[in-house]
PDB file of N, CA and C in Angstrom:
ATOM      1  N   MET A   1     122.481  -5.271 248.515  1.00  0.00           N
ATOM      2  CA  MET A   1     122.601  -5.218 249.961  1.00  0.00           C
ATOM      3  C   MET A   1     121.310  -5.740 250.584  1.00  0.00           C
ATOM      4  N   ALA A   2     121.453  -6.542 251.610  1.00  0.00           N
ATOM      5  CA  ALA A   2     120.291  -7.138 252.274  1.00  0.00           C
ATOM      6  C   ALA A   2     119.564  -6.090 253.105  1.00  0.00           C
ATOM      7  N   GLU A   3     118.273  -6.327 253.266  1.00  0.00           N
ATOM      8  CA  GLU A   3     117.445  -5.436 254.090  1.00  0.00           C
ATOM      9  C   GLU A   3     117.869  -5.553 255.555  1.00  0.00           C
ATOM     10  N   PRO A   4     117.794  -4.465 256.313  1.00  0.00           N
ATOM     11  CA  PRO A   4     118.069  -4.554 257.750  1.00  0.00           C
ATOM     12  C   PRO A   4     117.078  -5.510 258.411  1.00  0.00           C
ATOM     13  N   ARG A   5     117.538  -6.211 259.423  1.00  0.00           N
ATOM     14  CA  ARG A   5     116.679  -7.175 260.114  1.00  0.00           C
ATOM     15  C   ARG A   5     116.518  -6.755 261.568  1.00  0.00           C
ATOM     16  N   LEU A   6     115.361  -7.074 262.096  1.00  0.00           N
ATOM     17  CA  LEU A   6     115.074  -6.813 263.497  1.00  0.00           C
ATOM     18  C   LEU A   6     114.901  -8.160 264.176  1.00  0.00           C
ATOM     19  N   SER A   7     115.683  -8.413 265.179  1.00  0.00           N
ATOM     20  CA  SER A   7     115.591  -9.667 265.905  1.00  0.00           C
ATOM     21  C   SER A   7     114.697  -9.467 267.122  1.00  0.00           C
ATOM     22  N   VAL A   8     113.680 -10.300 267.217  1.00  0.00           N
ATOM     23  CA  VAL A   8     112.753 -10.215 268.343  1.00  0.00           C
ATOM     24  C   VAL A   8     112.830 -11.527 269.105  1.00  0.00           C
ATOM     25  N   ARG A   9     113.125 -11.450 270.372  1.00  0.00           N
ATOM     26  CA  ARG A   9     113.268 -12.662 271.172  1.00  0.00           C
ATOM     27  C   ARG A   9     111.954 -13.105 271.802  1.00  0.00           C
ATOM     28  N   SER A  10     110.926 -12.315 271.656  1.00  0.00           N
ATOM     29  CA  SER A  10     109.632 -12.657 272.230  1.00  0.00           C
ATOM     30  C   SER A  10     108.807 -13.430 271.203  1.00  0.00           C
ATOM     31  N   ALA A  11     108.476 -14.671 271.528  1.00  0.00           N
ATOM     32  CA  ALA A  11     107.650 -15.480 270.628  1.00  0.00           C
ATOM     33  C   ALA A  11     106.275 -14.849 270.455  1.00  0.00           C
ATOM     34  N   LYS A  12     105.764 -14.263 271.524  1.00  0.00           N
ATOM     35  CA  LYS A  12     104.450 -13.622 271.456  1.00  0.00           C
ATOM     36  C   LYS A  12     104.472 -12.450 270.478  1.00  0.00           C
ATOM     37  N   ALA A  13     105.508 -11.607 270.552  1.00  0.00           N
ATOM     38  CA  ALA A  13     105.620 -10.461 269.642  1.00  0.00           C
ATOM     39  C   ALA A  13     105.787 -10.932 268.205  1.00  0.00           C
ATOM     40  N   ARG A  14     106.612 -11.953 268.006  1.00  0.00           N
ATOM     41  CA  ARG A  14     106.831 -12.489 266.660  1.00  0.00           C
ATOM     42  C   ARG A  14     105.537 -13.040 266.072  1.00  0.00           C
ATOM     43  N   ASP A  15     104.813 -13.845 266.870  1.00  0.00           N
ATOM     44  CA  ASP A  15     103.558 -14.426 266.390  1.00  0.00           C
ATOM     45  C   ASP A  15     102.525 -13.354 266.088  1.00  0.00           C
ATOM     46  N   LEU A  16     102.456 -12.347 266.930  1.00  0.00           N
ATOM     47  CA  LEU A  16     101.503 -11.258 266.714  1.00  0.00           C
ATOM     48  C   LEU A  16     101.835 -10.491 265.439  1.00  0.00           C
ATOM     49  N   ALA A  17     103.113 -10.215 265.220  1.00  0.00           N
ATOM     50  CA  ALA A  17     103.525  -9.503 264.003  1.00  0.00           C
ATOM     51  C   ALA A  17     103.182 -10.316 262.761  1.00  0.00           C
ATOM     52  N   HIS A  18     103.435 -11.627 262.798  1.00  0.00           N
ATOM     53  CA  HIS A  18     103.090 -12.483 261.657  1.00  0.00           C
ATOM     54  C   HIS A  18     101.584 -12.511 261.422  1.00  0.00           C
ATOM     55  N   ARG A  19     100.825 -12.641 262.491  1.00  0.00           N
ATOM     56  CA  ARG A  19      99.363 -12.706 262.374  1.00  0.00           C
ATOM     57  C   ARG A  19      98.803 -11.415 261.788  1.00  0.00           C
ATOM     58  N   LEU A  20      99.275 -10.261 262.291  1.00  0.00           N
ATOM     59  CA  LEU A  20      98.802  -8.972 261.774  1.00  0.00           C
ATOM     60  C   LEU A  20      99.205  -8.774 260.316  1.00  0.00           C
ATOM     61  N   ALA A  21     100.410  -9.198 259.974  1.00  0.00           N
ATOM     62  CA  ALA A  21     100.877  -9.056 258.588  1.00  0.00           C
ATOM     63  C   ALA A  21      99.996  -9.865 257.643  1.00  0.00           C
ATOM     64  N   ARG A  22      99.667 -11.087 258.033  1.00  0.00           N
ATOM     65  CA  ARG A  22      98.783 -11.903 257.184  1.00  0.00           C
ATOM     66  C   ARG A  22      97.398 -11.291 257.090  1.00  0.00           C
ATOM     67  N   ARG A  23      96.856 -10.847 258.225  1.00  0.00           N
ATOM     68  CA  ARG A  23      95.502 -10.295 258.251  1.00  0.00           C
ATOM     69  C   ARG A  23      95.391  -9.033 257.401  1.00  0.00           C
ATOM     70  N   GLU A  24      96.399  -8.158 257.474  1.00  0.00           N
ATOM     71  CA  GLU A  24      96.349  -6.879 256.763  1.00  0.00           C
ATOM     72  C   GLU A  24      97.022  -6.939 255.396  1.00  0.00           C
ATOM     73  N   ASN A  25      97.520  -8.112 255.033  1.00  0.00           N
ATOM     74  CA  ASN A  25      98.191  -8.300 253.747  1.00  0.00           C
ATOM     75  C   ASN A  25      99.339  -7.299 253.579  1.00  0.00           C
ATOM     76  N   ARG A  26     100.157  -7.205 254.603  1.00  0.00           N
ATOM     77  CA  ARG A  26     101.314  -6.303 254.610  1.00  0.00           C
ATOM     78  C   ARG A  26     102.548  -7.111 254.984  1.00  0.00           C
ATOM     79  N   SER A  27     103.682  -6.500 254.797  1.00  0.00           N
ATOM     80  CA  SER A  27     104.916  -7.162 255.228  1.00  0.00           C
ATOM     81  C   SER A  27     105.044  -7.028 256.745  1.00  0.00           C
ATOM     82  N   ILE A  28     105.813  -7.925 257.323  1.00  0.00           N
ATOM     83  CA  ILE A  28     106.040  -7.860 258.767  1.00  0.00           C
ATOM     84  C   ILE A  28     106.743  -6.556 259.120  1.00  0.00           C
ATOM     85  N   ALA A  29     107.691  -6.145 258.297  1.00  0.00           N
ATOM     86  CA  ALA A  29     108.404  -4.885 258.550  1.00  0.00           C
ATOM     87  C   ALA A  29     107.431  -3.711 258.573  1.00  0.00           C
ATOM     88  N   ASP A  30     106.475  -3.703 257.641  1.00  0.00           N
ATOM     89  CA  ASP A  30     105.500  -2.613 257.590  1.00  0.00           C
ATOM     90  C   ASP A  30     104.623  -2.608 258.840  1.00  0.00           C
ATOM     91  N   VAL A  31     104.190  -3.784 259.269  1.00  0.00           N
ATOM     92  CA  VAL A  31     103.359  -3.885 260.476  1.00  0.00           C
ATOM     93  C   VAL A  31     104.129  -3.379 261.690  1.00  0.00           C
ATOM     94  N   VAL A  32     105.383  -3.795 261.827  1.00  0.00           N
ATOM     95  CA  VAL A  32     106.195  -3.382 262.971  1.00  0.00           C
ATOM     96  C   VAL A  32     106.456  -1.879 262.932  1.00  0.00           C
ATOM     97  N   GLU A  33     106.794  -1.344 261.751  1.00  0.00           N
ATOM     98  CA  GLU A  33     107.032   0.099 261.629  1.00  0.00           C
ATOM     99  C   GLU A  33     105.791   0.897 262.003  1.00  0.00           C
ATOM    100  N   ARG A  34     104.646   0.487 261.481  1.00  0.00           N
ATOM    101  CA  ARG A  34     103.401   1.211 261.778  1.00  0.00           C
ATOM    102  C   ARG A  34     103.055   1.132 263.255  1.00  0.00           C
ATOM    103  N   ALA A  35     103.260  -0.033 263.857  1.00  0.00           N
ATOM    104  CA  ALA A  35     102.967  -0.193 265.283  1.00  0.00           C
ATOM    105  C   ALA A  35     103.878   0.694 266.126  1.00  0.00           C
ATOM    106  N   LEU A  36     105.155   0.739 265.782  1.00  0.00           N
ATOM    107  CA  LEU A  36     106.096   1.564 266.542  1.00  0.00           C
ATOM    108  C   LEU A  36     105.828   3.049 266.342  1.00  0.00           C
ATOM    109  N   GLU A  37     105.466   3.450 265.124  1.00  0.00           N
ATOM    110  CA  GLU A  37     105.110   4.854 264.886  1.00  0.00           C
ATOM    111  C   GLU A  37     103.873   5.241 265.688  1.00  0.00           C
ATOM    112  N   SER A  38     102.884   4.357 265.707  1.00  0.00           N
ATOM    113  CA  SER A  38     101.662   4.621 266.468  1.00  0.00           C
ATOM    114  C   SER A  38     101.969   4.735 267.960  1.00  0.00           C
ATOM    115  N   TYR A  39     102.809   3.842 268.460  1.00  0.00           N
ATOM    116  CA  TYR A  39     103.202   3.867 269.868  1.00  0.00           C
ATOM    117  C   TYR A  39     103.937   5.161 270.204  1.00  0.00           C
ATOM    118  N   GLU A  40     104.838   5.568 269.318  1.00  0.00           N
ATOM    119  CA  GLU A  40     105.607   6.793 269.548  1.00  0.00           C
ATOM    120  C   GLU A  40     104.690   8.009 269.624  1.00  0.00           C
ATOM    121  N   ILE A  41     103.716   8.089 268.718  1.00  0.00           N
ATOM    122  CA  ILE A  41     102.778   9.216 268.711  1.00  0.00           C
ATOM    123  C   ILE A  41     101.929   9.207 269.977  1.00  0.00           C
ATOM    124  N   ARG A  42     101.438   8.028 270.352  1.00  0.00           N
ATOM    125  CA  ARG A  42     100.559   7.908 271.515  1.00  0.00           C
ATOM    126  C   ARG A  42     101.284   8.251 272.811  1.00  0.00           C
ATOM    127  N   GLU A  43     102.535   7.850 272.913  1.00  0.00           N
ATOM    128  CA  GLU A  43     103.281   8.034 274.157  1.00  0.00           C
ATOM    129  C   GLU A  43     104.073   9.333 274.208  1.00  0.00           C
ATOM    130  N   ALA A  44     104.172  10.051 273.108  1.00  0.00           N
ATOM    131  CA  ALA A  44     104.961  11.295 273.080  1.00  0.00           C
ATOM    132  C   ALA A  44     104.365  12.313 274.038  1.00  0.00           C
ATOM    133  N   GLY A  45     105.220  12.944 274.799  1.00  0.00           N
ATOM    134  CA  GLY A  45     104.754  13.988 275.698  1.00  0.00           C
ATOM    135  C   GLY A  45     104.251  13.479 277.033  1.00  0.00           C
ATOM    136  N   ARG A  46     104.146  12.188 277.186  1.00  0.00           N
ATOM    137  CA  ARG A  46     103.690  11.656 278.472  1.00  0.00           C
ATOM    138  C   ARG A  46     104.884  11.395 279.368  1.00  0.00           C
ATOM    139  N   GLU A  47     104.745  11.852 280.574  1.00  0.00           N
ATOM    140  CA  GLU A  47     105.809  11.663 281.555  1.00  0.00           C
ATOM    141  C   GLU A  47     105.394  10.521 282.473  1.00  0.00           C
ATOM    142  N   PRO A  48     106.268   9.563 282.717  1.00  0.00           N
ATOM    143  CA  PRO A  48     105.915   8.484 283.638  1.00  0.00           C
ATOM    144  C   PRO A  48     105.526   9.045 285.009  1.00  0.00           C
ATOM    145  N   ALA A  49     104.584   8.395 285.662  1.00  0.00           N
ATOM    146  CA  ALA A  49     104.086   8.872 286.956  1.00  0.00           C
ATOM    147  C   ALA A  49     105.216   9.027 287.968  1.00  0.00           C
ATOM    148  N   SER A  50     106.133   8.080 288.004  1.00  0.00           N
ATOM    149  CA  SER A  50     107.225   8.167 288.982  1.00  0.00           C
ATOM    150  C   SER A  50     108.073   9.417 288.745  1.00  0.00           C
ATOM    151  N   SER A  51     108.323   9.738 287.483  1.00  0.00           N
ATOM    152  CA  SER A  51     109.095  10.952 287.170  1.00  0.00           C
ATOM    153  C   SER A  51     108.314  12.204 287.536  1.00  0.00           C
ATOM    154  N   PHE A  52     107.000  12.176 287.253  1.00  0.00           N
ATOM    155  CA  PHE A  52     106.157  13.330 287.563  1.00  0.00           C
ATOM    156  C   PHE A  52     106.176  13.624 289.057  1.00  0.00           C
ATOM    157  N   TYR A  53     105.963  12.593 289.891  1.00  0.00           N
ATOM    158  CA  TYR A  53     105.921  12.814 291.333  1.00  0.00           C
ATOM    159  C   TYR A  53     107.293  13.202 291.880  1.00  0.00           C
ATOM    160  N   ALA A  54     108.352  12.650 291.314  1.00  0.00           N
ATOM    161  CA  ALA A  54     109.698  13.044 291.748  1.00  0.00           C
ATOM    162  C   ALA A  54     109.953  14.507 291.407  1.00  0.00           C
ATOM    163  N   ARG A  55     109.560  14.914 290.206  1.00  0.00           N
ATOM    164  CA  ARG A  55     109.736  16.314 289.795  1.00  0.00           C
ATOM    165  C   ARG A  55     108.878  17.234 290.654  1.00  0.00           C
ATOM    166  N   LEU A  56     107.645  16.823 290.940  1.00  0.00           N
ATOM    167  CA  LEU A  56     106.742  17.620 291.768  1.00  0.00           C
ATOM    168  C   LEU A  56     107.331  17.827 293.162  1.00  0.00           C
ATOM    169  N   ALA A  57     107.877  16.772 293.743  1.00  0.00           N
ATOM    170  CA  ALA A  57     108.481  16.880 295.074  1.00  0.00           C
ATOM    171  C   ALA A  57     109.703  17.784 295.045  1.00  0.00           C
ATOM    172  N   THR A  58     110.492  17.698 293.984  1.00  0.00           N
ATOM    173  CA  THR A  58     111.688  18.539 293.855  1.00  0.00           C
ATOM    174  C   THR A  58     111.318  20.003 293.693  1.00  0.00           C
ATOM    175  N   GLU A  59     110.332  20.272 292.852  1.00  0.00           N
ATOM    176  CA  GLU A  59     109.940  21.658 292.582  1.00  0.00           C
ATOM    177  C   GLU A  59     109.250  22.308 293.773  1.00  0.00           C
ATOM    178  N   SER A  60     108.449  21.543 294.504  1.00  0.00           N
ATOM    179  CA  SER A  60     107.717  22.141 295.619  1.00  0.00           C
ATOM    180  C   SER A  60     108.562  22.183 296.886  1.00  0.00           C
ATOM    181  N   GLY A  61     109.594  21.360 296.940  1.00  0.00           N
ATOM    182  CA  GLY A  61     110.468  21.358 298.101  1.00  0.00           C
ATOM    183  C   GLY A  61     109.870  20.652 299.301  1.00  0.00           C
ATOM    184  N   ALA A  62     108.729  20.024 299.126  1.00  0.00           N
ATOM    185  CA  ALA A  62     108.095  19.319 300.235  1.00  0.00           C
ATOM    186  C   ALA A  62     107.363  18.104 299.691  1.00  0.00           C
ATOM    187  N   ASP A  63     107.231  17.116 300.544  1.00  0.00           N
ATOM    188  CA  ASP A  63     106.474  15.936 300.163  1.00  0.00           C
ATOM    189  C   ASP A  63     104.995  16.262 300.323  1.00  0.00           C
ATOM    190  N   ILE A  64     104.234  16.054 299.295  1.00  0.00           N
ATOM    191  CA  ILE A  64     102.818  16.408 299.316  1.00  0.00           C
ATOM    192  C   ILE A  64     101.999  15.158 299.595  1.00  0.00           C
ATOM    193  N   ASP A  65     101.164  15.212 300.627  1.00  0.00           N
ATOM    194  CA  ASP A  65     100.270  14.110 300.958  1.00  0.00           C
ATOM    195  C   ASP A  65      98.895  14.454 300.392  1.00  0.00           C
ATOM    196  N   LEU A  66      98.615  13.950 299.185  1.00  0.00           N
ATOM    197  CA  LEU A  66      97.354  14.287 298.525  1.00  0.00           C
ATOM    198  C   LEU A  66      96.149  13.775 299.307  1.00  0.00           C
ATOM    199  N   ASP A  67      96.274  12.596 299.921  1.00  0.00           N
ATOM    200  CA  ASP A  67      95.157  12.071 300.710  1.00  0.00           C
ATOM    201  C   ASP A  67      94.822  13.008 301.870  1.00  0.00           C
ATOM    202  N   LYS A  68      95.832  13.557 302.517  1.00  0.00           N
ATOM    203  CA  LYS A  68      95.612  14.482 303.636  1.00  0.00           C
ATOM    204  C   LYS A  68      94.908  15.744 303.151  1.00  0.00           C
ATOM    205  N   ILE A  69      95.345  16.277 302.023  1.00  0.00           N
ATOM    206  CA  ILE A  69      94.714  17.485 301.474  1.00  0.00           C
ATOM    207  C   ILE A  69      93.250  17.224 301.151  1.00  0.00           C
ATOM    208  N   ILE A  70      92.971  16.086 300.566  1.00  0.00           N
ATOM    209  CA  ILE A  70      91.582  15.746 300.229  1.00  0.00           C
ATOM    210  C   ILE A  70      90.751  15.610 301.492  1.00  0.00           C
ATOM    211  N   ARG A  71      91.298  14.919 302.510  1.00  0.00           N
ATOM    212  CA  ARG A  71      90.546  14.746 303.762  1.00  0.00           C
ATOM    213  C   ARG A  71      90.257  16.087 304.428  1.00  0.00           C
ATOM    214  N   GLU A  72      91.233  16.991 304.418  1.00  0.00           N
ATOM    215  CA  GLU A  72      91.055  18.287 305.074  1.00  0.00           C
ATOM    216  C   GLU A  72      89.985  19.133 304.388  1.00  0.00           C
ATOM    217  N   ASP A  73      89.896  19.035 303.089  1.00  0.00           N
ATOM    218  CA  ASP A  73      88.947  19.866 302.344  1.00  0.00           C
ATOM    219  C   ASP A  73      87.598  19.197 302.113  1.00  0.00           C
ATOM    220  N   ARG A  74      87.457  17.976 302.547  1.00  0.00           N
ATOM    221  CA  ARG A  74      86.209  17.251 302.316  1.00  0.00           C
ATOM    222  C   ARG A  74      85.125  17.778 303.252  1.00  0.00           C
ATOM    223  N   GLU A  75      83.982  18.038 302.690  1.00  0.00           N
ATOM    224  CA  GLU A  75      82.838  18.478 303.491  1.00  0.00           C
ATOM    225  C   GLU A  75      81.746  17.423 303.384  1.00  0.00           C
ATOM    226  N   LEU A  76      81.189  17.098 304.526  1.00  0.00           N
ATOM    227  CA  LEU A  76      80.122  16.111 304.525  1.00  0.00           C
ATOM    228  C   LEU A  76      78.814  16.758 304.103  1.00  0.00           C
ATOM    229  N   ALA A  77      78.058  16.038 303.337  1.00  0.00           N
ATOM    230  CA  ALA A  77      76.745  16.522 302.924  1.00  0.00           C
ATOM    231  C   ALA A  77      75.794  16.377 304.106  1.00  0.00           C
ATOM    232  N   PRO A  78      74.803  17.259 304.199  1.00  0.00           N
ATOM    233  CA  PRO A  78      73.841  17.121 305.294  1.00  0.00           C
ATOM    234  C   PRO A  78      73.107  15.788 305.168  1.00  0.00           C
ATOM    235  N   PRO A  79      72.735  15.219 306.305  1.00  0.00           N
ATOM    236  CA  PRO A  79      72.052  13.927 306.247  1.00  0.00           C
ATOM    237  C   PRO A  79      70.710  14.053 305.526  1.00  0.00           C
ATOM    238  N   ALA A  80      70.355  13.008 304.852  1.00  0.00           N
ATOM    239  CA  ALA A  80      69.079  13.004 304.136  1.00  0.00           C
ATOM    240  C   ALA A  80      67.943  12.915 305.143  1.00  0.00           C
ATOM    241  N   GLU A  81      66.880  13.608 304.853  1.00  0.00           N
ATOM    242  CA  GLU A  81      65.703  13.565 305.723  1.00  0.00           C
ATOM    243  C   GLU A  81      64.648  12.707 305.052  1.00  0.00           C
ATOM    244  N   PHE A  82      64.226  11.708 305.778  1.00  0.00           N
ATOM    245  CA  PHE A  82      63.191  10.829 305.258  1.00  0.00           C
ATOM    246  C   PHE A  82      61.915  11.096 306.043  1.00  0.00           C
ATOM    247  N   GLY A  83      61.031  11.857 305.440  1.00  0.00           N
ATOM    248  CA  GLY A  83      59.763  12.149 306.100  1.00  0.00           C
ATOM    249  C   GLY A  83      58.741  11.072 305.772  1.00  0.00           C
ATOM    250  N   LEU A  84      57.841  10.872 306.699  1.00  0.00           N
ATOM    251  CA  LEU A  84      56.783   9.899 306.452  1.00  0.00           C
ATOM    252  C   LEU A  84      55.670  10.568 305.673  1.00  0.00           C
ATOM    253  N   ILE A  85      55.176   9.880 304.712  1.00  0.00           N
ATOM    254  CA  ILE A  85      54.073  10.402 303.904  1.00  0.00           C
ATOM    255  C   ILE A  85      52.782   9.840 304.480  1.00  0.00           C
ATOM    256  N   ASN A  86      51.886  10.757 304.818  1.00  0.00           N
ATOM    257  CA  ASN A  86      50.593  10.319 305.353  1.00  0.00           C
ATOM    258  C   ASN A  86      49.746   9.761 304.222  1.00  0.00           C
ATOM    259  N   GLN A  87      49.311   8.575 304.412  1.00  0.00           N
ATOM    260  CA  GLN A  87      48.440   7.975 303.412  1.00  0.00           C
ATOM    261  C   GLN A  87      47.044   7.898 303.994  1.00  0.00           C
ATOM    262  N   LEU A  88      46.083   8.292 303.217  1.00  0.00           N
ATOM    263  CA  LEU A  88      44.692   8.251 303.673  1.00  0.00           C
ATOM    264  C   LEU A  88      44.019   6.989 303.274  1.00  0.00           C
TER     265      LEU A  88
END
C-alpha cells in the first residue's frame, strides 16, 4: 500500500519543506509532521482575539471601552522642577 500523500498548493510551502528536509537530512513528511506538531503545541489553548473580545462582551453584558477606562484612571505626574544651580 502506498504512503498517504499531502497535496500542498503553495509553492512557497513546498519549497520550504524541501529546503528544510535537505538541510536537516530528513524526509519531507517528517519535516511537515514535526512542524505541524510544533504549531499545534504552540497554538494550543490560545483563543483568537476576536473570539476573546466577543466572549468578554457577551459575559459582561456591556461593551467595554478600554481606552475610556485607561483615560479615566490616568493620573498626571507632577511637573518636573528645574532649579538653577548657582555656579561660583
